[in-house]
Amino acid sequence: MTDAYQPLACDLYDYLEIACMHHYALLIELDDGSCLNAEALTTETTPSKEEFLIVRGASGEQRLRLDRLIAITAQNPGALFGRVLLGNRTC
């Protein structure tokens, strides 16, 4: 991507770590207005310090750059969180 990566606040990053640790099914809202349902697998940081959420959905594994995420909502019964806003726009 050509635009500069904007890091996610540490307290918000914790929600992604919880989602990955429990392999939560997530409803993920993206900054392009799209939404997807996928299982949280892990996070990744590149050598250039861009951070990604790795998920598995209907179309296989995807890397989602964290500054493209608007919100995540855990879909699992008894999840430790509901909808978490990560950005400033919604689907």
PDB file of N, CA and C in Angstrom:
ATOM      1  N   MET A   1       0.842  -1.172   0.000  1.00  0.00           N
ATOM      2  CA  MET A   1       0.000   0.000   0.000  1.00  0.00           C
ATOM      3  C   MET A   1       0.886   1.233   0.000  1.00  0.00           C
ATOM      4  N   THR A   2       0.404   2.266  -0.594  1.00  0.00           N
ATOM      5  CA  THR A   2       1.222   3.464  -0.724  1.00  0.00           C
ATOM      6  C   THR A   2       1.043   4.457   0.410  1.00  0.00           C
ATOM      7  N   ASP A   3      -0.074   4.399   1.131  1.00  0.00           N
ATOM      8  CA  ASP A   3      -0.258   5.367   2.204  1.00  0.00           C
ATOM      9  C   ASP A   3       0.384   4.855   3.497  1.00  0.00           C
ATOM     10  N   ALA A   4       0.834   5.796   4.320  1.00  0.00           N
ATOM     11  CA  ALA A   4       1.559   5.471   5.537  1.00  0.00           C
ATOM     12  C   ALA A   4       0.665   4.746   6.535  1.00  0.00           C
ATOM     13  N   TYR A   5       1.218   3.743   7.169  1.00  0.00           N
ATOM     14  CA  TYR A   5       0.498   2.973   8.176  1.00  0.00           C
ATOM     15  C   TYR A   5       0.290   3.817   9.432  1.00  0.00           C
ATOM     16  N   GLN A   6      -0.917   3.759   9.977  1.00  0.00           N
ATOM     17  CA  GLN A   6      -1.253   4.446  11.223  1.00  0.00           C
ATOM     18  C   GLN A   6      -1.455   3.384  12.306  1.00  0.00           C
ATOM     19  N   PRO A   7      -0.540   3.289  13.280  1.00  0.00           N
ATOM     20  CA  PRO A   7      -0.644   2.236  14.299  1.00  0.00           C
ATOM     21  C   PRO A   7      -1.939   2.322  15.097  1.00  0.00           C
ATOM     22  N   LEU A   8      -2.383   1.169  15.537  1.00  0.00           N
ATOM     23  CA  LEU A   8      -3.562   1.052  16.375  1.00  0.00           C
ATOM     24  C   LEU A   8      -3.160   1.307  17.824  1.00  0.00           C
ATOM     25  N   ALA A   9      -4.020   1.942  18.597  1.00  0.00           N
ATOM     26  CA  ALA A   9      -3.757   2.174  20.021  1.00  0.00           C
ATOM     27  C   ALA A   9      -3.589   0.837  20.736  1.00  0.00           C
ATOM     28  N   CYS A  10      -2.655   0.790  21.671  1.00  0.00           N
ATOM     29  CA  CYS A  10      -2.335  -0.460  22.372  1.00  0.00           C
ATOM     30  C   CYS A  10      -3.543  -1.094  23.049  1.00  0.00           C
ATOM     31  N   ASP A  11      -4.403  -0.278  23.667  1.00  0.00           N
ATOM     32  CA  ASP A  11      -5.562  -0.844  24.362  1.00  0.00           C
ATOM     33  C   ASP A  11      -6.530  -1.499  23.375  1.00  0.00           C
ATOM     34  N   LEU A  12      -6.595  -1.013  22.150  1.00  0.00           N
ATOM     35  CA  LEU A  12      -7.447  -1.630  21.131  1.00  0.00           C
ATOM     36  C   LEU A  12      -6.805  -2.891  20.573  1.00  0.00           C
ATOM     37  N   TYR A  13      -5.494  -2.884  20.470  1.00  0.00           N
ATOM     38  CA  TYR A  13      -4.760  -4.059  19.981  1.00  0.00           C
ATOM     39  C   TYR A  13      -5.029  -5.265  20.875  1.00  0.00           C
ATOM     40  N   ASP A  14      -5.240  -5.025  22.170  1.00  0.00           N
ATOM     41  CA  ASP A  14      -5.525  -6.115  23.112  1.00  0.00           C
ATOM     42  C   ASP A  14      -6.758  -6.911  22.699  1.00  0.00           C
ATOM     43  N   TYR A  15      -7.770  -6.252  22.156  1.00  0.00           N
ATOM     44  CA  TYR A  15      -8.968  -6.955  21.708  1.00  0.00           C
ATOM     45  C   TYR A  15      -8.654  -7.917  20.568  1.00  0.00           C
ATOM     46  N   LEU A  16      -7.763  -7.510  19.679  1.00  0.00           N
ATOM     47  CA  LEU A  16      -7.367  -8.392  18.578  1.00  0.00           C
ATOM     48  C   LEU A  16      -6.613  -9.606  19.109  1.00  0.00           C
ATOM     49  N   GLU A  17      -5.767  -9.391  20.102  1.00  0.00           N
ATOM     50  CA  GLU A  17      -5.036 -10.513  20.699  1.00  0.00           C
ATOM     51  C   GLU A  17      -5.989 -11.495  21.378  1.00  0.00           C
ATOM     52  N   ILE A  18      -6.993 -10.977  22.077  1.00  0.00           N
ATOM     53  CA  ILE A  18      -7.998 -11.844  22.707  1.00  0.00           C
ATOM     54  C   ILE A  18      -8.745 -12.631  21.642  1.00  0.00           C
ATOM     55  N   ALA A  19      -9.146 -11.951  20.566  1.00  0.00           N
ATOM     56  CA  ALA A  19      -9.880 -12.613  19.488  1.00  0.00           C
ATOM     57  C   ALA A  19      -9.055 -13.743  18.880  1.00  0.00           C
ATOM     58  N   CYS A  20      -7.772 -13.504  18.688  1.00  0.00           N
ATOM     59  CA  CYS A  20      -6.903 -14.532  18.109  1.00  0.00           C
ATOM     60  C   CYS A  20      -6.671 -15.679  19.093  1.00  0.00           C
ATOM     61  N   MET A  21      -6.456 -15.346  20.346  1.00  0.00           N
ATOM     62  CA  MET A  21      -6.199 -16.360  21.366  1.00  0.00           C
ATOM     63  C   MET A  21      -7.375 -17.345  21.473  1.00  0.00           C
ATOM     64  N   HIS A  22      -8.604 -16.825  21.324  1.00  0.00           N
ATOM     65  CA  HIS A  22      -9.805 -17.657  21.434  1.00  0.00           C
ATOM     66  C   HIS A  22     -10.367 -18.069  20.072  1.00  0.00           C
ATOM     67  N   HIS A  23      -9.697 -17.676  18.994  1.00  0.00           N
ATOM     68  CA  HIS A  23     -10.154 -17.965  17.627  1.00  0.00           C
ATOM     69  C   HIS A  23     -11.614 -17.570  17.430  1.00  0.00           C
ATOM     70  N   TYR A  24     -11.925 -16.363  17.886  1.00  0.00           N
ATOM     71  CA  TYR A  24     -13.289 -15.864  17.757  1.00  0.00           C
ATOM     72  C   TYR A  24     -13.701 -15.726  16.292  1.00  0.00           C
ATOM     73  N   ALA A  25     -14.976 -15.992  16.059  1.00  0.00           N
ATOM     74  CA  ALA A  25     -15.614 -15.613  14.803  1.00  0.00           C
ATOM     75  C   ALA A  25     -15.920 -14.124  14.935  1.00  0.00           C
ATOM     76  N   LEU A  26     -15.484 -13.356  13.956  1.00  0.00           N
ATOM     77  CA  LEU A  26     -15.653 -11.905  14.010  1.00  0.00           C
ATOM     78  C   LEU A  26     -16.463 -11.390  12.828  1.00  0.00           C
ATOM     79  N   LEU A  27     -17.263 -10.378  13.093  1.00  0.00           N
ATOM     80  CA  LEU A  27     -17.801  -9.530  12.037  1.00  0.00           C
ATOM     81  C   LEU A  27     -16.817  -8.369  11.971  1.00  0.00           C
ATOM     82  N   ILE A  28     -16.177  -8.188  10.834  1.00  0.00           N
ATOM     83  CA  ILE A  28     -15.131  -7.179  10.667  1.00  0.00           C
ATOM     84  C   ILE A  28     -15.632  -6.109   9.713  1.00  0.00           C
ATOM     85  N   GLU A  29     -15.617  -4.865  10.175  1.00  0.00           N
ATOM     86  CA  GLU A  29     -16.020  -3.720   9.363  1.00  0.00           C
ATOM     87  C   GLU A  29     -14.750  -3.027   8.871  1.00  0.00           C
ATOM     88  N   LEU A  30     -14.659  -2.813   7.556  1.00  0.00           N
ATOM     89  CA  LEU A  30     -13.474  -2.231   6.934  1.00  0.00           C
ATOM     90  C   LEU A  30     -13.722  -0.809   6.466  1.00  0.00           C
ATOM     91  N   ASP A  31     -12.649  -0.058   6.290  1.00  0.00           N
ATOM     92  CA  ASP A  31     -12.771   1.359   5.934  1.00  0.00           C
ATOM     93  C   ASP A  31     -13.284   1.612   4.523  1.00  0.00           C
ATOM     94  N   ASP A  32     -13.365   0.568   3.694  1.00  0.00           N
ATOM     95  CA  ASP A  32     -13.927   0.748   2.345  1.00  0.00           C
ATOM     96  C   ASP A  32     -15.438   0.534   2.331  1.00  0.00           C
ATOM     97  N   GLY A  33     -16.025   0.339   3.533  1.00  0.00           N
ATOM     98  CA  GLY A  33     -17.468   0.145   3.633  1.00  0.00           C
ATOM     99  C   GLY A  33     -17.900  -1.304   3.601  1.00  0.00           C
ATOM    100  N   SER A  34     -16.971  -2.216   3.370  1.00  0.00           N
ATOM    101  CA  SER A  34     -17.327  -3.628   3.322  1.00  0.00           C
ATOM    102  C   SER A  34     -17.234  -4.258   4.706  1.00  0.00           C
ATOM    103  N   CYS A  35     -17.889  -5.404   4.838  1.00  0.00           N
ATOM    104  CA  CYS A  35     -17.856  -6.189   6.070  1.00  0.00           C
ATOM    105  C   CYS A  35     -17.565  -7.633   5.699  1.00  0.00           C
ATOM    106  N   LEU A  36     -16.931  -8.340   6.609  1.00  0.00           N
ATOM    107  CA  LEU A  36     -16.727  -9.760   6.364  1.00  0.00           C
ATOM    108  C   LEU A  36     -16.791 -10.517   7.675  1.00  0.00           C
ATOM    109  N   ASN A  37     -17.167 -11.776   7.559  1.00  0.00           N
ATOM    110  CA  ASN A  37     -17.183 -12.684   8.697  1.00  0.00           C
ATOM    111  C   ASN A  37     -15.995 -13.605   8.554  1.00  0.00           C
ATOM    112  N   ALA A  38     -15.200 -13.711   9.617  1.00  0.00           N
ATOM    113  CA  ALA A  38     -14.005 -14.539   9.547  1.00  0.00           C
ATOM    114  C   ALA A  38     -13.549 -14.908  10.945  1.00  0.00           C
ATOM    115  N   GLU A  39     -12.765 -15.975  11.022  1.00  0.00           N
ATOM    116  CA  GLU A  39     -12.170 -16.430  12.275  1.00  0.00           C
ATOM    117  C   GLU A  39     -10.824 -15.747  12.471  1.00  0.00           C
ATOM    118  N   ALA A  40     -10.625 -15.168  13.651  1.00  0.00           N
ATOM    119  CA  ALA A  40      -9.344 -14.535  13.977  1.00  0.00           C
ATOM    120  C   ALA A  40      -8.298 -15.616  14.217  1.00  0.00           C
ATOM    121  N   LEU A  41      -7.151 -15.494  13.533  1.00  0.00           N
ATOM    122  CA  LEU A  41      -6.091 -16.488  13.674  1.00  0.00           C
ATOM    123  C   LEU A  41      -4.887 -15.953  14.437  1.00  0.00           C
ATOM    124  N   THR A  42      -4.319 -14.852  13.954  1.00  0.00           N
ATOM    125  CA  THR A  42      -3.129 -14.290  14.579  1.00  0.00           C
ATOM    126  C   THR A  42      -2.919 -12.870  14.079  1.00  0.00           C
ATOM    127  N   THR A  43      -1.953 -12.198  14.655  1.00  0.00           N
ATOM    128  CA  THR A  43      -1.532 -10.895  14.153  1.00  0.00           C
ATOM    129  C   THR A  43      -0.113 -11.034  13.613  1.00  0.00           C
ATOM    130  N   GLU A  44       0.268 -10.061  12.808  1.00  0.00           N
ATOM    131  CA  GLU A  44       1.594 -10.089  12.183  1.00  0.00           C
ATOM    132  C   GLU A  44       2.110  -8.661  12.071  1.00  0.00           C
ATOM    133  N   THR A  45       3.394  -8.483  12.325  1.00  0.00           N
ATOM    134  CA  THR A  45       4.047  -7.193  12.125  1.00  0.00           C
ATOM    135  C   THR A  45       5.144  -7.374  11.099  1.00  0.00           C
ATOM    136  N   THR A  46       5.144  -6.532  10.066  1.00  0.00           N
ATOM    137  CA  THR A  46       6.148  -6.623   9.014  1.00  0.00           C
ATOM    138  C   THR A  46       7.421  -5.876   9.439  1.00  0.00           C
ATOM    139  N   PRO A  47       8.530  -6.097   8.744  1.00  0.00           N
ATOM    140  CA  PRO A  47       9.755  -5.358   9.052  1.00  0.00           C
ATOM    141  C   PRO A  47       9.568  -3.834   8.965  1.00  0.00           C
ATOM    142  N   SER A  48       8.629  -3.378   8.128  1.00  0.00           N
ATOM    143  CA  SER A  48       8.369  -1.941   8.003  1.00  0.00           C
ATOM    144  C   SER A  48       7.387  -1.436   9.077  1.00  0.00           C
ATOM    145  N   LYS A  49       7.045  -2.315  10.048  1.00  0.00           N
ATOM    146  CA  LYS A  49       6.193  -1.983  11.205  1.00  0.00           C
ATOM    147  C   LYS A  49       4.705  -1.862  10.890  1.00  0.00           C
ATOM    148  N   GLU A  50       4.272  -2.341   9.718  1.00  0.00           N
ATOM    149  CA  GLU A  50       2.841  -2.430   9.451  1.00  0.00           C
ATOM    150  C   GLU A  50       2.307  -3.655  10.190  1.00  0.00           C
ATOM    151  N   GLU A  51       1.101  -3.516  10.744  1.00  0.00           N
ATOM    152  CA  GLU A  51       0.503  -4.609  11.512  1.00  0.00           C
ATOM    153  C   GLU A  51      -0.739  -5.121  10.794  1.00  0.00           C
ATOM    154  N   PHE A  52      -0.928  -6.444  10.866  1.00  0.00           N
ATOM    155  CA  PHE A  52      -2.022  -7.110  10.171  1.00  0.00           C
ATOM    156  C   PHE A  52      -2.742  -8.072  11.092  1.00  0.00           C
ATOM    157  N   LEU A  53      -4.030  -8.237  10.854  1.00  0.00           N
ATOM    158  CA  LEU A  53      -4.825  -9.291  11.462  1.00  0.00           C
ATOM    159  C   LEU A  53      -4.968 -10.376  10.403  1.00  0.00           C
ATOM    160  N   ILE A  54      -4.604 -11.597  10.757  1.00  0.00           N
ATOM    161  CA  ILE A  54      -4.751 -12.724   9.844  1.00  0.00           C
ATOM    162  C   ILE A  54      -6.037 -13.441  10.227  1.00  0.00           C
ATOM    163  N   VAL A  55      -6.918 -13.612   9.246  1.00  0.00           N
ATOM    164  CA  VAL A  55      -8.221 -14.241   9.471  1.00  0.00           C
ATOM    165  C   VAL A  55      -8.461 -15.328   8.435  1.00  0.00           C
ATOM    166  N   ARG A  56      -9.397 -16.212   8.761  1.00  0.00           N
ATOM    167  CA  ARG A  56      -9.828 -17.232   7.808  1.00  0.00           C
ATOM    168  C   ARG A  56     -11.321 -17.097   7.618  1.00  0.00           C
ATOM    169  N   GLY A  57     -11.721 -16.836   6.384  1.00  0.00           N
ATOM    170  CA  GLY A  57     -13.130 -16.688   6.053  1.00  0.00           C
ATOM    171  C   GLY A  57     -13.511 -17.606   4.915  1.00  0.00           C
ATOM    172  N   ALA A  58     -14.636 -17.324   4.297  1.00  0.00           N
ATOM    173  CA  ALA A  58     -15.147 -18.140   3.205  1.00  0.00           C
ATOM    174  C   ALA A  58     -14.176 -18.209   2.028  1.00  0.00           C
ATOM    175  N   SER A  59     -13.399 -17.154   1.825  1.00  0.00           N
ATOM    176  CA  SER A  59     -12.463 -17.136   0.694  1.00  0.00           C
ATOM    177  C   SER A  59     -11.041 -17.518   1.108  1.00  0.00           C
ATOM    178  N   GLY A  60     -10.879 -18.135   2.273  1.00  0.00           N
ATOM    179  CA  GLY A  60      -9.558 -18.558   2.734  1.00  0.00           C
ATOM    180  C   GLY A  60      -8.937 -17.538   3.670  1.00  0.00           C
ATOM    181  N   GLU A  61      -7.620 -17.646   3.861  1.00  0.00           N
ATOM    182  CA  GLU A  61      -6.909 -16.735   4.758  1.00  0.00           C
ATOM    183  C   GLU A  61      -6.692 -15.381   4.103  1.00  0.00           C
ATOM    184  N   GLN A  62      -6.803 -14.333   4.922  1.00  0.00           N
ATOM    185  CA  GLN A  62      -6.579 -12.967   4.461  1.00  0.00           C
ATOM    186  C   GLN A  62      -5.752 -12.219   5.489  1.00  0.00           C
ATOM    187  N   ARG A  63      -4.953 -11.273   5.012  1.00  0.00           N
ATOM    188  CA  ARG A  63      -4.212 -10.343   5.865  1.00  0.00           C
ATOM    189  C   ARG A  63      -4.916  -8.996   5.773  1.00  0.00           C
ATOM    190  N   LEU A  64      -5.369  -8.501   6.916  1.00  0.00           N
ATOM    191  CA  LEU A  64      -6.072  -7.224   6.961  1.00  0.00           C
ATOM    192  C   LEU A  64      -5.217  -6.219   7.724  1.00  0.00           C
ATOM    193  N   ARG A  65      -4.818  -5.146   7.035  1.00  0.00           N
ATOM    194  CA  ARG A  65      -4.004  -4.135   7.693  1.00  0.00           C
ATOM    195  C   ARG A  65      -4.835  -3.458   8.778  1.00  0.00           C
ATOM    196  N   LEU A  66      -4.270  -3.352   9.985  1.00  0.00           N
ATOM    197  CA  LEU A  66      -5.048  -2.908  11.136  1.00  0.00           C
ATOM    198  C   LEU A  66      -5.637  -1.518  10.980  1.00  0.00           C
ATOM    199  N   ASP A  67      -4.952  -0.624  10.275  1.00  0.00           N
ATOM    200  CA  ASP A  67      -5.520   0.720  10.124  1.00  0.00           C
ATOM    201  C   ASP A  67      -6.624   0.777   9.072  1.00  0.00           C
ATOM    202  N   ARG A  68      -6.990  -0.367   8.518  1.00  0.00           N
ATOM    203  CA  ARG A  68      -8.135  -0.469   7.600  1.00  0.00           C
ATOM    204  C   ARG A  68      -9.380  -0.985   8.317  1.00  0.00           C
ATOM    205  N   LEU A  69      -9.205  -1.419   9.578  1.00  0.00           N
ATOM    206  CA  LEU A  69     -10.320  -1.951  10.357  1.00  0.00           C
ATOM    207  C   LEU A  69     -11.061  -0.812  11.046  1.00  0.00           C
ATOM    208  N   ILE A  70     -12.379  -0.800  10.914  1.00  0.00           N
ATOM    209  CA  ILE A  70     -13.212   0.196  11.583  1.00  0.00           C
ATOM    210  C   ILE A  70     -13.740  -0.368  12.898  1.00  0.00           C
ATOM    211  N   ALA A  71     -14.187  -1.620  12.874  1.00  0.00           N
ATOM    212  CA  ALA A  71     -14.724  -2.252  14.081  1.00  0.00           C
ATOM    213  C   ALA A  71     -14.655  -3.770  13.930  1.00  0.00           C
ATOM    214  N   ILE A  72     -14.620  -4.433  15.079  1.00  0.00           N
ATOM    215  CA  ILE A  72     -14.763  -5.882  15.116  1.00  0.00           C
ATOM    216  C   ILE A  72     -15.850  -6.207  16.123  1.00  0.00           C
ATOM    217  N   THR A  73     -16.618  -7.256  15.833  1.00  0.00           N
ATOM    218  CA  THR A  73     -17.651  -7.720  16.752  1.00  0.00           C
ATOM    219  C   THR A  73     -17.495  -9.221  16.915  1.00  0.00           C
ATOM    220  N   ALA A  74     -17.248  -9.661  18.154  1.00  0.00           N
ATOM    221  CA  ALA A  74     -17.145 -11.095  18.427  1.00  0.00           C
ATOM    222  C   ALA A  74     -18.525 -11.722  18.288  1.00  0.00           C
ATOM    223  N   GLN A  75     -18.600 -12.838  17.571  1.00  0.00           N
ATOM    224  CA  GLN A  75     -19.865 -13.514  17.304  1.00  0.00           C
ATOM    225  C   GLN A  75     -20.084 -14.735  18.199  1.00  0.00           C
ATOM    226  N   ASN A  76     -19.095 -15.109  18.989  1.00  0.00           N
ATOM    227  CA  ASN A  76     -19.176 -16.309  19.810  1.00  0.00           C
ATOM    228  C   ASN A  76     -20.010 -16.071  21.070  1.00  0.00           C
ATOM    229  N   PRO A  77     -20.870 -17.024  21.444  1.00  0.00           N
ATOM    230  CA  PRO A  77     -21.585 -16.905  22.718  1.00  0.00           C
ATOM    231  C   PRO A  77     -20.571 -16.844  23.865  1.00  0.00           C
ATOM    232  N   GLY A  78     -20.794 -15.950  24.808  1.00  0.00           N
ATOM    233  CA  GLY A  78     -19.903 -15.824  25.947  1.00  0.00           C
ATOM    234  C   GLY A  78     -18.580 -15.134  25.661  1.00  0.00           C
ATOM    235  N   ALA A  79     -18.460 -14.489  24.500  1.00  0.00           N
ATOM    236  CA  ALA A  79     -17.219 -13.788  24.149  1.00  0.00           C
ATOM    237  C   ALA A  79     -16.911 -12.717  25.188  1.00  0.00           C
ATOM    238  N   LEU A  80     -15.643 -12.394  25.330  1.00  0.00           N
ATOM    239  CA  LEU A  80     -15.195 -11.426  26.328  1.00  0.00           C
ATOM    240  C   LEU A  80     -15.451  -9.981  25.924  1.00  0.00           C
ATOM    241  N   PHE A  81     -15.868  -9.759  24.693  1.00  0.00           N
ATOM    242  CA  PHE A  81     -16.216  -8.412  24.243  1.00  0.00           C
ATOM    243  C   PHE A  81     -17.265  -8.507  23.149  1.00  0.00           C
ATOM    244  N   GLY A  82     -17.941  -7.381  22.899  1.00  0.00           N
ATOM    245  CA  GLY A  82     -18.924  -7.286  21.826  1.00  0.00           C
ATOM    246  C   GLY A  82     -18.325  -6.513  20.668  1.00  0.00           C
ATOM    247  N   ARG A  83     -18.962  -5.410  20.306  1.00  0.00           N
ATOM    248  CA  ARG A  83     -18.459  -4.581  19.204  1.00  0.00           C
ATOM    249  C   ARG A  83     -17.417  -3.608  19.749  1.00  0.00           C
ATOM    250  N   VAL A  84     -16.266  -3.565  19.086  1.00  0.00           N
ATOM    251  CA  VAL A  84     -15.176  -2.676  19.473  1.00  0.00           C
ATOM    252  C   VAL A  84     -14.868  -1.771  18.289  1.00  0.00           C
ATOM    253  N   LEU A  85     -14.987  -0.460  18.487  1.00  0.00           N
ATOM    254  CA  LEU A  85     -14.658   0.504  17.446  1.00  0.00           C
ATOM    255  C   LEU A  85     -13.142   0.700  17.397  1.00  0.00           C
ATOM    256  N   LEU A  86     -12.584   0.511  16.218  1.00  0.00           N
ATOM    257  CA  LEU A  86     -11.145   0.675  16.019  1.00  0.00           C
ATOM    258  C   LEU A  86     -10.824   1.907  15.174  1.00  0.00           C
ATOM    259  N   GLY A  87     -11.826   2.386  14.432  1.00  0.00           N
ATOM    260  CA  GLY A  87     -11.650   3.532  13.553  1.00  0.00           C
ATOM    261  C   GLY A  87     -12.814   4.485  13.690  1.00  0.00           C
ATOM    262  N   ASN A  88     -12.972   5.384  12.708  1.00  0.00           N
ATOM    263  CA  ASN A  88     -14.001   6.416  12.854  1.00  0.00           C
ATOM    264  C   ASN A  88     -15.142   6.323  11.846  1.00  0.00           C
ATOM    265  N   ARG A  89     -15.223   5.251  11.066  1.00  0.00           N
ATOM    266  CA  ARG A  89     -16.344   5.076  10.137  1.00  0.00           C
ATOM    267  C   ARG A  89     -16.950   3.698  10.351  1.00  0.00           C
ATOM    268  N   THR A  90     -18.173   3.496   9.892  1.00  0.00           N
ATOM    269  CA  THR A  90     -18.832   2.192  10.020  1.00  0.00           C
ATOM    270  C   THR A  90     -19.438   1.785   8.698  1.00  0.00           C
ATOM    271  N   CYS A  91     -19.752   0.501   8.593  1.00  0.00           N
ATOM    272  CA  CYS A  91     -20.391  -0.037   7.386  1.00  0.00           C
ATOM    273  C   CYS A  91     -21.818   0.455   7.311  1.00  0.00           C
TER     274      CYS A  91
END
